Every structure is written in structure tokens, then in C-alpha cells.
């Protein structure tokens, strides 16, 4: 997957399911519908990011067939 920039891609910028609604498949259905939209529009790759300590989100996306791709490191100066 190292040729991301040679492909037409879409990005999930922000998705949040209220805690009391989790476990009902709502997030997975949203992702599935977005995947269908992308396929219908010739998009080859979907990107999403999550904070490294947000293991629930990371595991959710991995369960929905997303793979590790990029690591971003930061240096806090304040």
C-alpha cells in the first residue's frame, strides 16, 4: 500500500458514535456505505486516522479491514 499518492483516495475525517449506541453495528454500516460510495466513484483507497491512544477506534477500523499505513510523530514544544 505504499503507492497511496498514485491512487485516487478518500478520507474519513471524523466519525463518532455515542457510547450508548456502540455495539449495534452503526459504525460498521456507515463505513460499509462509505466504501460502496467510494467504489461507485472509482476511489481506490480510503484513509482514516486515529489518535495512537484511541485503541477502541484503531481496533474498530482494523475490524473493518483498514491496515496500518502511516505513522506520524510529534514533538510538543510547550
N, C-alpha and C. Protein backbone atom coordinates (compact mmCIF):
# COMPACT_ATOMS: atom_id res chain seq x y z
N UNK A 1 0.81 -1.20 0.00
CA UNK A 1 0.00 0.00 0.00
C UNK A 1 0.85 1.25 0.00
N UNK A 2 2.08 1.18 -0.39
CA UNK A 2 2.94 2.35 -0.34
C UNK A 2 2.76 3.28 -1.52
N UNK A 3 1.81 3.02 -2.39
CA UNK A 3 1.58 3.91 -3.53
C UNK A 3 0.30 4.72 -3.36
N UNK A 4 0.01 5.09 -2.13
CA UNK A 4 -1.21 5.83 -1.82
C UNK A 4 -1.36 7.09 -2.66
N UNK A 5 -0.27 7.79 -2.89
CA UNK A 5 -0.37 9.07 -3.58
C UNK A 5 -0.51 8.91 -5.09
N UNK A 6 -0.42 7.69 -5.59
CA UNK A 6 -0.67 7.44 -7.00
C UNK A 6 -2.09 6.96 -7.24
N UNK A 7 -2.87 6.88 -6.18
CA UNK A 7 -4.25 6.40 -6.29
C UNK A 7 -5.23 7.51 -5.93
N UNK A 8 -6.41 7.40 -6.49
CA UNK A 8 -7.50 8.29 -6.11
C UNK A 8 -8.00 7.81 -4.75
N UNK A 9 -7.98 8.71 -3.75
CA UNK A 9 -8.36 8.26 -2.42
C UNK A 9 -9.35 9.21 -1.77
N UNK A 10 -10.06 8.68 -0.78
CA UNK A 10 -10.98 9.44 0.05
C UNK A 10 -10.51 9.30 1.48
N UNK A 11 -11.01 10.18 2.33
CA UNK A 11 -10.59 10.15 3.72
C UNK A 11 -11.79 10.31 4.64
N UNK A 12 -11.85 9.46 5.66
CA UNK A 12 -12.83 9.63 6.72
C UNK A 12 -12.19 10.59 7.71
N UNK A 13 -12.72 11.79 7.77
CA UNK A 13 -12.09 12.81 8.60
C UNK A 13 -12.52 12.73 10.05
N UNK A 14 -13.80 12.48 10.29
CA UNK A 14 -14.27 12.48 11.66
C UNK A 14 -15.54 11.65 11.75
N UNK A 15 -15.50 10.62 12.58
CA UNK A 15 -16.69 9.81 12.80
C UNK A 15 -16.74 9.46 14.28
N UNK A 16 -17.89 9.65 14.87
CA UNK A 16 -18.04 9.37 16.29
C UNK A 16 -19.42 8.77 16.53
N UNK A 17 -19.45 7.65 17.23
CA UNK A 17 -20.70 7.03 17.62
C UNK A 17 -20.83 7.19 19.13
N UNK A 18 -21.93 7.76 19.58
CA UNK A 18 -22.15 7.92 21.01
C UNK A 18 -21.99 6.57 21.71
N UNK A 19 -21.39 6.61 22.88
CA UNK A 19 -21.07 5.37 23.58
C UNK A 19 -22.28 4.46 23.79
N UNK A 20 -23.43 5.04 24.10
CA UNK A 20 -24.60 4.21 24.36
C UNK A 20 -25.17 3.57 23.09
N UNK A 21 -24.69 4.01 21.92
CA UNK A 21 -25.13 3.43 20.65
C UNK A 21 -24.12 2.45 20.06
N UNK A 22 -22.99 2.29 20.72
CA UNK A 22 -21.95 1.38 20.21
C UNK A 22 -22.38 -0.07 20.43
N UNK A 23 -21.88 -0.93 19.55
CA UNK A 23 -22.19 -2.35 19.66
C UNK A 23 -23.41 -2.78 18.87
N UNK A 24 -24.02 -1.85 18.17
CA UNK A 24 -25.20 -2.16 17.36
C UNK A 24 -24.88 -2.22 15.86
N UNK A 25 -23.60 -2.05 15.50
CA UNK A 25 -23.21 -2.13 14.09
C UNK A 25 -23.38 -0.84 13.31
N UNK A 26 -23.71 0.25 13.99
CA UNK A 26 -23.95 1.52 13.30
C UNK A 26 -22.68 2.01 12.61
N UNK A 27 -21.57 2.00 13.33
CA UNK A 27 -20.30 2.46 12.75
C UNK A 27 -19.89 1.61 11.56
N UNK A 28 -20.01 0.31 11.68
CA UNK A 28 -19.66 -0.58 10.57
C UNK A 28 -20.55 -0.35 9.36
N UNK A 29 -21.83 -0.11 9.60
CA UNK A 29 -22.74 0.18 8.48
C UNK A 29 -22.37 1.49 7.79
N UNK A 30 -22.01 2.49 8.59
CA UNK A 30 -21.57 3.76 7.99
C UNK A 30 -20.33 3.57 7.14
N UNK A 31 -19.36 2.82 7.67
CA UNK A 31 -18.13 2.56 6.91
C UNK A 31 -18.45 1.77 5.65
N UNK A 32 -19.30 0.76 5.75
CA UNK A 32 -19.67 -0.03 4.57
C UNK A 32 -20.32 0.84 3.49
N UNK A 33 -21.21 1.73 3.90
CA UNK A 33 -21.86 2.61 2.92
C UNK A 33 -20.85 3.56 2.28
N UNK A 34 -19.90 4.05 3.08
CA UNK A 34 -18.86 4.92 2.53
C UNK A 34 -17.97 4.15 1.55
N UNK A 35 -17.67 2.89 1.88
CA UNK A 35 -16.89 2.06 0.95
C UNK A 35 -17.63 1.88 -0.37
N UNK A 36 -18.95 1.64 -0.31
CA UNK A 36 -19.75 1.49 -1.53
C UNK A 36 -19.72 2.78 -2.35
N UNK A 37 -19.89 3.92 -1.66
CA UNK A 37 -19.84 5.20 -2.34
C UNK A 37 -18.50 5.36 -3.06
N UNK A 38 -17.43 5.04 -2.37
CA UNK A 38 -16.09 5.18 -2.96
C UNK A 38 -15.92 4.26 -4.17
N UNK A 39 -16.35 3.02 -4.04
CA UNK A 39 -16.24 2.08 -5.16
C UNK A 39 -17.04 2.58 -6.36
N UNK A 40 -18.22 3.13 -6.12
CA UNK A 40 -19.05 3.65 -7.21
C UNK A 40 -18.46 4.89 -7.86
N UNK A 41 -17.51 5.53 -7.19
CA UNK A 41 -16.88 6.74 -7.71
C UNK A 41 -15.41 6.52 -8.04
N UNK A 42 -15.05 5.27 -8.29
CA UNK A 42 -13.70 4.90 -8.74
C UNK A 42 -12.60 5.33 -7.78
N UNK A 43 -12.91 5.38 -6.50
CA UNK A 43 -11.90 5.69 -5.50
C UNK A 43 -11.26 4.37 -5.09
N UNK A 44 -9.93 4.35 -5.06
CA UNK A 44 -9.20 3.11 -4.86
C UNK A 44 -8.76 2.88 -3.42
N UNK A 45 -8.77 3.92 -2.60
CA UNK A 45 -8.19 3.82 -1.27
C UNK A 45 -8.92 4.75 -0.33
N UNK A 46 -9.17 4.29 0.88
CA UNK A 46 -9.76 5.14 1.92
C UNK A 46 -8.76 5.27 3.05
N UNK A 47 -8.54 6.50 3.48
CA UNK A 47 -7.64 6.76 4.60
C UNK A 47 -8.46 7.22 5.81
N UNK A 48 -7.98 6.88 6.99
CA UNK A 48 -8.57 7.35 8.23
C UNK A 48 -7.44 7.45 9.24
N UNK A 49 -7.56 8.39 10.15
CA UNK A 49 -6.54 8.49 11.21
C UNK A 49 -7.24 8.45 12.56
N UNK A 50 -6.49 8.02 13.56
CA UNK A 50 -7.00 7.97 14.93
C UNK A 50 -5.82 8.28 15.85
N UNK A 51 -6.11 8.88 16.99
CA UNK A 51 -5.06 9.12 17.97
C UNK A 51 -4.47 7.78 18.38
N UNK A 52 -3.16 7.75 18.59
CA UNK A 52 -2.49 6.48 18.91
C UNK A 52 -2.99 5.84 20.20
N UNK A 53 -3.53 6.63 21.11
CA UNK A 53 -4.03 6.06 22.36
C UNK A 53 -5.53 5.71 22.30
N UNK A 54 -6.16 5.92 21.15
CA UNK A 54 -7.58 5.62 20.97
C UNK A 54 -7.71 4.19 20.43
N UNK A 55 -7.43 3.23 21.30
CA UNK A 55 -7.40 1.84 20.86
C UNK A 55 -8.77 1.34 20.40
N UNK A 56 -9.85 1.86 20.97
CA UNK A 56 -11.18 1.46 20.50
C UNK A 56 -11.36 1.81 19.03
N UNK A 57 -10.97 3.02 18.65
CA UNK A 57 -11.11 3.44 17.25
C UNK A 57 -10.19 2.63 16.35
N UNK A 58 -8.95 2.45 16.77
CA UNK A 58 -7.99 1.69 15.96
C UNK A 58 -8.51 0.27 15.73
N UNK A 59 -8.97 -0.37 16.80
CA UNK A 59 -9.48 -1.73 16.67
C UNK A 59 -10.75 -1.78 15.81
N UNK A 60 -11.59 -0.76 15.93
CA UNK A 60 -12.79 -0.69 15.09
C UNK A 60 -12.41 -0.65 13.61
N UNK A 61 -11.48 0.22 13.25
CA UNK A 61 -11.10 0.33 11.84
C UNK A 61 -10.39 -0.93 11.35
N UNK A 62 -9.57 -1.54 12.19
CA UNK A 62 -8.91 -2.79 11.79
C UNK A 62 -9.95 -3.89 11.58
N UNK A 63 -10.97 -3.92 12.42
CA UNK A 63 -12.06 -4.90 12.26
C UNK A 63 -12.78 -4.68 10.92
N UNK A 64 -12.76 -3.44 10.43
CA UNK A 64 -13.40 -3.09 9.17
C UNK A 64 -12.42 -3.05 8.01
N UNK A 65 -11.34 -3.82 8.14
CA UNK A 65 -10.37 -4.09 7.06
C UNK A 65 -9.42 -2.94 6.74
N UNK A 66 -9.25 -2.01 7.66
CA UNK A 66 -8.23 -0.98 7.49
C UNK A 66 -6.92 -1.54 8.03
N UNK A 67 -5.82 -1.12 7.43
CA UNK A 67 -4.49 -1.62 7.81
C UNK A 67 -3.61 -0.46 8.22
N UNK A 68 -2.62 -0.77 9.06
CA UNK A 68 -1.62 0.25 9.40
C UNK A 68 -0.94 0.72 8.12
N UNK A 69 -0.76 2.02 8.01
CA UNK A 69 -0.14 2.56 6.79
C UNK A 69 0.91 3.60 7.10
N UNK A 70 0.62 4.53 7.96
CA UNK A 70 1.47 5.68 8.18
C UNK A 70 1.60 5.93 9.67
N UNK A 71 2.76 6.33 10.11
CA UNK A 71 2.96 6.73 11.49
C UNK A 71 3.38 8.19 11.50
N UNK A 72 2.73 8.99 12.31
CA UNK A 72 3.07 10.40 12.43
C UNK A 72 3.57 10.64 13.85
N UNK A 73 4.73 11.22 13.96
CA UNK A 73 5.32 11.53 15.25
C UNK A 73 5.28 13.04 15.47
N UNK A 74 5.08 13.45 16.69
CA UNK A 74 5.04 14.88 17.00
C UNK A 74 5.99 15.17 18.16
N UNK A 75 6.42 16.40 18.22
CA UNK A 75 7.26 16.88 19.32
C UNK A 75 6.55 18.09 19.90
N UNK A 76 6.06 17.96 21.12
CA UNK A 76 5.37 19.06 21.79
C UNK A 76 6.39 20.01 22.38
N UNK A 77 6.38 21.26 21.98
CA UNK A 77 7.37 22.23 22.42
C UNK A 77 6.88 23.10 23.57
N UNK A 78 5.67 22.90 24.01
CA UNK A 78 5.14 23.70 25.13
C UNK A 78 4.67 22.81 26.24
